[in-house]
C-alpha atoms as a PDB file:
ATOM      1  CA  MET A   1     151.141  19.285 -55.587  1.00  0.00           C
ATOM      2  CA  SER A   2     152.774  19.163 -52.200  1.00  0.00           C
ATOM      3  CA  VAL A   3     153.081  22.084 -49.805  1.00  0.00           C
ATOM      4  CA  ASP A   4     156.769  22.457 -50.692  1.00  0.00           C
ATOM      5  CA  GLU A   5     156.003  22.752 -54.423  1.00  0.00           C
ATOM      6  CA  SER A   6     153.270  25.379 -53.906  1.00  0.00           C
ATOM      7  CA  GLN A   7     155.659  27.548 -51.935  1.00  0.00           C
ATOM      8  CA  GLN A   8     158.094  27.719 -54.830  1.00  0.00           C
ATOM      9  CA  PHE A   9     155.466  29.628 -56.869  1.00  0.00           C
ATOM     10  CA  ALA A  10     154.642  32.097 -54.095  1.00  0.00           C
ATOM     11  CA  PRO A  11     156.165  35.552 -54.577  1.00  0.00           C
ATOM     12  CA  VAL A  12     159.365  36.078 -52.705  1.00  0.00           C
ATOM     13  CA  ARG A  13     158.973  38.964 -50.285  1.00  0.00           C
ATOM     14  CA  THR A  14     162.340  39.872 -48.988  1.00  0.00           C
ATOM     15  CA  THR A  15     163.179  42.914 -46.970  1.00  0.00           C
ATOM     16  CA  LYS A  16     165.182  44.184 -49.927  1.00  0.00           C
ATOM     17  CA  SER A  17     162.213  43.976 -52.305  1.00  0.00           C
ATOM     18  CA  ARG A  18     159.926  45.704 -49.781  1.00  0.00           C
ATOM     19  CA  HIS A  19     162.408  48.547 -49.403  1.00  0.00           C
ATOM     20  CA  LEU A  20     162.692  48.878 -53.163  1.00  0.00           C
ATOM     21  CA  LEU A  21     158.912  49.006 -53.564  1.00  0.00           C
ATOM     22  CA  ALA A  22     158.594  51.552 -50.754  1.00  0.00           C
ATOM     23  CA  GLY A  23     161.288  53.684 -52.363  1.00  0.00           C
ATOM     24  CA  ILE A  24     159.541  53.637 -55.724  1.00  0.00           C
ATOM     25  CA  LEU A  25     156.204  54.587 -54.178  1.00  0.00           C
ATOM     26  CA  CYS A  26     157.706  57.378 -52.082  1.00  0.00           C
ATOM     27  CA  GLY A  27     159.671  58.679 -55.033  1.00  0.00           C
ATOM     28  CA  GLY A  28     156.472  58.914 -57.040  1.00  0.00           C
ATOM     29  CA  LEU A  29     154.765  60.820 -54.234  1.00  0.00           C
ATOM     30  CA  ILE A  30     157.681  63.205 -53.920  1.00  0.00           C
ATOM     31  CA  LEU A  31     157.658  63.904 -57.638  1.00  0.00           C
ATOM     32  CA  THR A  32     153.897  64.501 -57.821  1.00  0.00           C
ATOM     33  CA  GLY A  33     153.230  65.906 -54.347  1.00  0.00           C
ATOM     34  CA  PRO A  34     154.554  69.471 -54.548  1.00  0.00           C
ATOM     35  CA  ALA A  35     152.833  70.211 -57.835  1.00  0.00           C
ATOM     36  CA  THR A  36     149.422  69.426 -56.389  1.00  0.00           C
ATOM     37  CA  ALA A  37     150.069  70.740 -52.872  1.00  0.00           C
ATOM     38  CA  ARG A  38     151.644  74.074 -53.829  1.00  0.00           C
ATOM     39  CA  ALA A  39     150.155  76.915 -51.841  1.00  0.00           C
ATOM     40  CA  ALA A  40     148.826  79.881 -53.756  1.00  0.00           C
ATOM     41  CA  SER A  41     150.665  83.170 -53.312  1.00  0.00           C
ATOM     42  CA  GLY A  42     149.067  86.245 -51.758  1.00  0.00           C
ATOM     43  CA  PRO A  43     148.499  87.956 -55.117  1.00  0.00           C
ATOM     44  CA  GLU A  44     146.953  84.761 -56.560  1.00  0.00           C
ATOM     45  CA  LEU A  45     144.605  84.413 -53.596  1.00  0.00           C
ATOM     46  CA  PHE A  46     143.650  88.085 -53.664  1.00  0.00           C
ATOM     47  CA  SER A  47     143.073  88.044 -57.408  1.00  0.00           C
ATOM     48  CA  LYS A  48     140.804  85.013 -57.159  1.00  0.00           C
ATOM     49  CA  HIS A  49     138.818  85.795 -54.008  1.00  0.00           C
ATOM     50  CA  CYS A  50     139.038  89.535 -53.333  1.00  0.00           C
ATOM     51  CA  ALA A  51     139.840  91.563 -56.460  1.00  0.00           C
ATOM     52  CA  PRO A  52     136.416  91.154 -58.108  1.00  0.00           C
ATOM     53  CA  CYS A  53     135.027  93.517 -55.443  1.00  0.00           C
ATOM     54  CA  HIS A  54     138.071  95.205 -53.901  1.00  0.00           C
ATOM     55  CA  GLY A  55     139.928  95.736 -57.190  1.00  0.00           C
ATOM     56  CA  LYS A  56     143.458  94.626 -58.065  1.00  0.00           C
ATOM     57  CA  ASP A  57     144.990  97.329 -55.868  1.00  0.00           C
ATOM     58  CA  GLY A  58     142.455  97.041 -53.013  1.00  0.00           C
ATOM     59  CA  ARG A  59     141.052 100.549 -53.594  1.00  0.00           C
ATOM     60  CA  ALA A  60     137.499  99.332 -54.337  1.00  0.00           C
ATOM     61  CA  GLN A  61     137.253 101.101 -57.695  1.00  0.00           C
ATOM     62  CA  THR A  62     135.127  98.411 -59.353  1.00  0.00           C
ATOM     63  CA  PRO A  63     131.451  98.448 -60.356  1.00  0.00           C
ATOM     64  CA  ALA A  64     130.715  95.758 -57.761  1.00  0.00           C
ATOM     65  CA  ALA A  65     132.496  97.779 -55.072  1.00  0.00           C
ATOM     66  CA  ARG A  66     130.482 100.900 -55.868  1.00  0.00           C
ATOM     67  CA  LYS A  67     127.210  98.961 -55.867  1.00  0.00           C
ATOM     68  CA  LEU A  68     127.924  97.147 -52.607  1.00  0.00           C
ATOM     69  CA  GLY A  69     129.694  99.970 -50.777  1.00  0.00           C
ATOM     70  CA  VAL A  70     132.976  98.031 -50.509  1.00  0.00           C
ATOM     71  CA  LYS A  71     135.619  99.820 -48.461  1.00  0.00           C
ATOM     72  CA  ASP A  72     138.994 100.922 -49.804  1.00  0.00           C
ATOM     73  CA  LEU A  73     141.579  98.606 -48.223  1.00  0.00           C
ATOM     74  CA  SER A  74     144.364 101.172 -48.647  1.00  0.00           C
ATOM     75  CA  ILE A  75     142.771 103.333 -45.931  1.00  0.00           C
ATOM     76  CA  SER A  76     141.591 100.502 -43.669  1.00  0.00           C
ATOM     77  CA  LYS A  77     142.266 100.944 -39.963  1.00  0.00           C
ATOM     78  CA  SER A  78     141.009  97.455 -39.037  1.00  0.00           C
ATOM     79  CA  SER A  79     143.159  95.320 -36.750  1.00  0.00           C
ATOM     80  CA  ASP A  80     144.504  91.960 -37.868  1.00  0.00           C
ATOM     81  CA  ALA A  81     141.895  90.218 -35.694  1.00  0.00           C
ATOM     82  CA  GLU A  82     139.053  92.253 -37.224  1.00  0.00           C
ATOM     83  CA  MET A  83     140.234  91.558 -40.760  1.00  0.00           C
ATOM     84  CA  GLU A  84     140.668  87.853 -40.035  1.00  0.00           C
ATOM     85  CA  LYS A  85     137.155  87.655 -38.558  1.00  0.00           C
ATOM     86  CA  GLN A  86     135.702  89.399 -41.604  1.00  0.00           C
ATOM     87  CA  ILE A  87     137.503  87.045 -43.999  1.00  0.00           C
ATOM     88  CA  LEU A  88     136.330  84.009 -42.028  1.00  0.00           C
ATOM     89  CA  GLU A  89     132.736  85.081 -41.387  1.00  0.00           C
ATOM     90  CA  GLY A  90     132.097  87.531 -44.208  1.00  0.00           C
ATOM     91  CA  LYS A  91     130.282  90.820 -43.716  1.00  0.00           C
ATOM     92  CA  LYS A  92     126.606  91.652 -43.391  1.00  0.00           C
ATOM     93  CA  ASP A  93     124.932  95.030 -43.455  1.00  0.00           C
ATOM     94  CA  ASP A  94     122.693  96.338 -40.649  1.00  0.00           C
ATOM     95  CA  ARG A  95     119.695  94.453 -42.082  1.00  0.00           C
ATOM     96  CA  GLY A  96     121.591  91.137 -42.148  1.00  0.00           C
ATOM     97  CA  THR A  97     122.115  91.077 -45.914  1.00  0.00           C
ATOM     98  CA  GLN A  98     125.362  89.334 -46.857  1.00  0.00           C
ATOM     99  CA  LYS A  99     127.763  91.921 -48.350  1.00  0.00           C
ATOM    100  CA  MET A 100     130.909  89.808 -48.335  1.00  0.00           C
ATOM    101  CA  PRO A 101     130.846  86.009 -48.389  1.00  0.00           C
ATOM    102  CA  PRO A 102     132.545  84.015 -45.643  1.00  0.00           C
ATOM    103  CA  PHE A 103     135.760  82.254 -46.646  1.00  0.00           C
ATOM    104  CA  LYS A 104     136.195  79.910 -43.662  1.00  0.00           C
ATOM    105  CA  GLU A 105     135.269  76.924 -45.842  1.00  0.00           C
ATOM    106  CA  LYS A 106     137.317  78.087 -48.847  1.00  0.00           C
ATOM    107  CA  LEU A 107     140.636  79.227 -47.368  1.00  0.00           C
ATOM    108  CA  SER A 108     143.077  77.561 -45.004  1.00  0.00           C
ATOM    109  CA  PRO A 109     144.486  79.409 -41.973  1.00  0.00           C
ATOM    110  CA  ALA A 110     147.799  79.776 -43.855  1.00  0.00           C
ATOM    111  CA  GLU A 111     146.025  81.299 -46.872  1.00  0.00           C
ATOM    112  CA  ILE A 112     144.180  83.746 -44.624  1.00  0.00           C
ATOM    113  CA  SER A 113     147.476  84.801 -43.015  1.00  0.00           C
ATOM    114  CA  THR A 114     148.956  85.304 -46.479  1.00  0.00           C
ATOM    115  CA  LEU A 115     145.982  87.460 -47.484  1.00  0.00           C
ATOM    116  CA  LEU A 116     146.212  89.527 -44.297  1.00  0.00           C
ATOM    117  CA  GLU A 117     149.845  90.378 -45.004  1.00  0.00           C
ATOM    118  CA  LEU A 118     149.019  91.352 -48.575  1.00  0.00           C
ATOM    119  CA  VAL A 119     146.057  93.515 -47.543  1.00  0.00           C
ATOM    120  CA  LYS A 120     148.137  95.308 -44.898  1.00  0.00           C
ATOM    121  CA  GLY A 121     150.592  96.108 -47.685  1.00  0.00           C
ATOM    122  CA  PHE A 122     147.880  98.131 -49.469  1.00  0.00           C
ATOM    123  CA  ARG A 123     147.778 100.632 -46.598  1.00  0.00           C
ATOM    124  CA  LYS A 124     149.326 104.011 -47.167  1.00  0.00           C
END
């Protein structure tokens, strides 16, 4: 087989076919992307990460809250910076025992901001 004959079996890669392939791939990403990348809402985040101890309404009326001495978020006077630090680093008692786990590895900065706004909404 000569060089000319082997080229006739090679796939034709035109600009048009590359654009079509790129469009198909991007279209697939657009259709599947938002479903997997959707950010959780404040109530979803709070329910998953905070409500087991702080309660659904943030008032710390749960068995875990009573046992651990969890504070009522509706009367919190903490600043945004203090709350953010506590969410990121967790909370330890005077003896160094972990009372609240750190969430810096579990929550994104956007999720933490969403939680802060929700928690501030619990205040009276």
